[in-house]
Amino acid sequence: MKKTIFLVLVISLSPLFAGNHFGIKGGINTSTFYDDDDSAFLRGYSYGINYEYSFMEHYYIGTGLYYSKIGGWLKNKVLIVEHLETLGRIDIRASAGYLIIPLNVGYLLNVKKNYLFKVYTGYSYLFPFIDYTYRDDKYVINDSIDPDSNIDYDFRSIGRGESVFPTGKYANSAINLGAAMVYKRYCLDLSMHYQMDDFGTFDNLSKIKKSLITFEMLLGLYF
C-alpha cells in the first residue's frame, strides 16, 4: 500500500519537475579593456552552480551563482607619484573577484540522441568583493612633476602593494551571450560577457573609464 501511494505521488508530481535541470561548471576566462589601445588580455577563472527551467519544448530560463576572477592588463601607463614628485611608467594588472548571478533566456535543440545544443543571452548581476589589482613599476621617467597631455593617469601612490582601486568602484552588471553543447550529462559552455559599467577608478579625482569584455570556457555536469 505504501509503495502504491509513493508511486502515485511520483507520477503525479513528475510533470512539475520535468523541466528542471541543475548543473555545476568551472573553467577559465580571458578579459581585456576593449576601450584602451594598450590593454592586453588577462587570464582568470570561474566556477559555480546553475539552474535551468525548460518550457514550451525548446526554450528555457537559467540562473546560478558563480565566483569569477576577471580583469585586464593596462600596459605602459604613466604614473605621477605625488609625494615623491616623480613620473613613472607602469603596467597594471587590474582584476577583481566577483560573485555573479546571471539571468538568461535560451533556446535548446536536440541535435541527435544524447546531444543537446543551446544558445542563450541575458543579464548578470556582479558583486565585487576582492581586489586582486597589482601594479608593476617599470622605471622612473624624471625627477619632477611636469604633467602634459601624454599623462594617462594621475593618482596618489602610497606604496607598491597599494590597490589602484581604493574607492571600490566596479562594474555591477554585464550582458551575456553564449552557446553550449551537452552530451549525456557533460556540458561545454562558451560565452562572452560585456560589462555595462566602468571597471573602477584610481582615486576620487582621476577616474578610470574602462569597461571589460570577457570570453569564457566552462566545463560541467548537467542533470
Foldseek 3Di string as FASTA:
>chain_A
DVVVVVVVVCVVCVVVCVFKKKKWKKFKKWKWFPPAPQKDIDIKMKIWMKMWGDDPVWKIKMKTKMKIKDWIKRAFAWEQAPVQQFIFTKIKTWIFIWIKIWIKMKTWDPPDPQKIKMWIKTKMFIDTDGTPMFMDTDDIDDRHDDDDPRHDWYAHDDDRPDGQFVVPDAFGMWIKTWMWMGGNFKIKIKIKIWGPAAGGQRDPPTGDRTTMIMIIIMIMTMD
